[in-house]
Amino acid sequence: MAPGELAAAREQAKGQVILSLESTVTRLHRLAGVVLYDEPYRTLDELCERIDAVTEADVAELCAEYYAPDRQVIVRLGPEVSNG
């Protein structure tokens, strides 16, 4: 990972979270999720702290799991093209 890339991704993620929680509808949806899915309610500061706590090792672990070659699938839509 390039120097500063994780910090930039953290700031981007925090910005998106903050902007996404501005509307009344989103806030109510979030509160409903807390009740319906028995999720803990996290304040904006707690969400930002969780984002800041992500390490390069965490990112590497997730990438190894989700981008592992044995999990990859190729899907092609359209007519079959012959190579002849």
Protein backbone atom coordinates (compact mmCIF):
# COMPACT_ATOMS: atom_id res chain seq x y z
CA MET A 1 0.00 0.00 0.00
CA ALA A 2 1.37 3.40 -0.94
CA PRO A 3 2.28 5.78 1.89
CA GLY A 4 -0.71 7.89 2.87
CA GLU A 5 -3.18 5.73 0.95
CA LEU A 6 -4.80 4.27 4.08
CA ALA A 7 -5.08 7.70 5.69
CA ALA A 8 -6.73 9.09 2.56
CA ALA A 9 -9.16 6.14 2.46
CA ARG A 10 -10.03 6.71 6.12
CA GLU A 11 -10.77 10.39 5.51
CA GLN A 12 -12.86 9.52 2.45
CA ALA A 13 -14.85 6.93 4.41
CA LYS A 14 -15.44 9.31 7.31
CA GLY A 15 -16.59 12.02 4.93
CA GLN A 16 -19.05 9.64 3.27
CA VAL A 17 -20.42 8.49 6.63
CA ILE A 18 -20.87 12.05 7.86
CA LEU A 19 -22.61 13.16 4.67
CA SER A 20 -24.81 10.06 4.59
CA LEU A 21 -26.10 10.73 8.12
CA GLU A 22 -27.24 14.29 7.43
CA SER A 23 -30.78 13.57 6.26
CA THR A 24 -33.67 12.95 8.63
CA VAL A 25 -34.72 9.88 6.66
CA THR A 26 -31.28 8.32 7.01
CA ARG A 27 -31.21 9.01 10.73
CA LEU A 28 -34.60 7.39 11.21
CA HIS A 29 -33.59 4.41 9.08
CA ARG A 30 -30.46 4.01 11.19
CA LEU A 31 -32.47 4.15 14.43
CA ALA A 32 -34.91 1.58 13.06
CA GLY A 33 -31.98 -0.70 12.21
CA VAL A 34 -30.78 -0.48 15.79
CA VAL A 35 -34.14 -1.76 17.01
CA LEU A 36 -34.99 -4.23 14.23
CA TYR A 37 -31.58 -5.86 13.89
CA ASP A 38 -30.52 -5.49 17.52
CA GLU A 39 -27.50 -3.45 16.47
CA PRO A 40 -25.70 -1.21 18.93
CA TYR A 41 -26.27 2.49 18.38
CA ARG A 42 -22.96 4.19 17.60
CA THR A 43 -22.48 7.92 17.69
CA LEU A 44 -20.79 9.71 14.83
CA ASP A 45 -17.63 10.00 16.94
CA GLU A 46 -17.68 6.24 17.60
CA LEU A 47 -18.08 5.51 13.88
CA CYS A 48 -15.14 7.77 13.06
CA GLU A 49 -13.03 6.10 15.78
CA ARG A 50 -13.80 2.69 14.29
CA ILE A 51 -12.75 3.89 10.85
CA ASP A 52 -9.54 5.36 12.28
CA ALA A 53 -8.80 2.04 13.98
CA VAL A 54 -8.53 0.16 10.67
CA THR A 55 -4.94 -0.92 10.06
CA GLU A 56 -3.04 -1.99 6.97
CA ALA A 57 -3.09 -5.53 8.38
CA ASP A 58 -6.91 -5.39 8.53
CA VAL A 59 -7.06 -4.30 4.89
CA ALA A 60 -4.59 -7.01 3.84
CA GLU A 61 -6.61 -9.66 5.67
CA LEU A 62 -9.86 -8.63 3.99
CA CYS A 63 -8.20 -8.46 0.58
CA ALA A 64 -6.72 -11.93 1.06
CA GLU A 65 -10.18 -13.26 1.90
CA TYR A 66 -12.33 -11.47 -0.68
CA TYR A 67 -9.86 -11.23 -3.55
CA ALA A 68 -8.39 -14.72 -3.20
CA PRO A 69 -7.98 -16.32 -6.64
CA ASP A 70 -10.14 -19.31 -5.67
CA ARG A 71 -13.06 -16.96 -4.93
CA GLN A 72 -12.93 -15.17 -8.28
CA VAL A 73 -15.53 -15.80 -10.95
CA ILE A 74 -15.57 -14.57 -14.53
CA VAL A 75 -18.96 -13.76 -16.00
CA ARG A 76 -19.33 -12.88 -19.64
CA LEU A 77 -22.58 -11.73 -21.15
CA GLY A 78 -23.27 -11.77 -24.84
CA PRO A 79 -22.82 -14.11 -27.75
CA GLU A 80 -20.00 -16.58 -27.77
CA VAL A 81 -17.20 -15.42 -30.03
CA SER A 82 -15.06 -18.01 -31.74
CA ASN A 83 -11.32 -17.41 -31.96
CA GLY A 84 -10.88 -18.86 -35.39
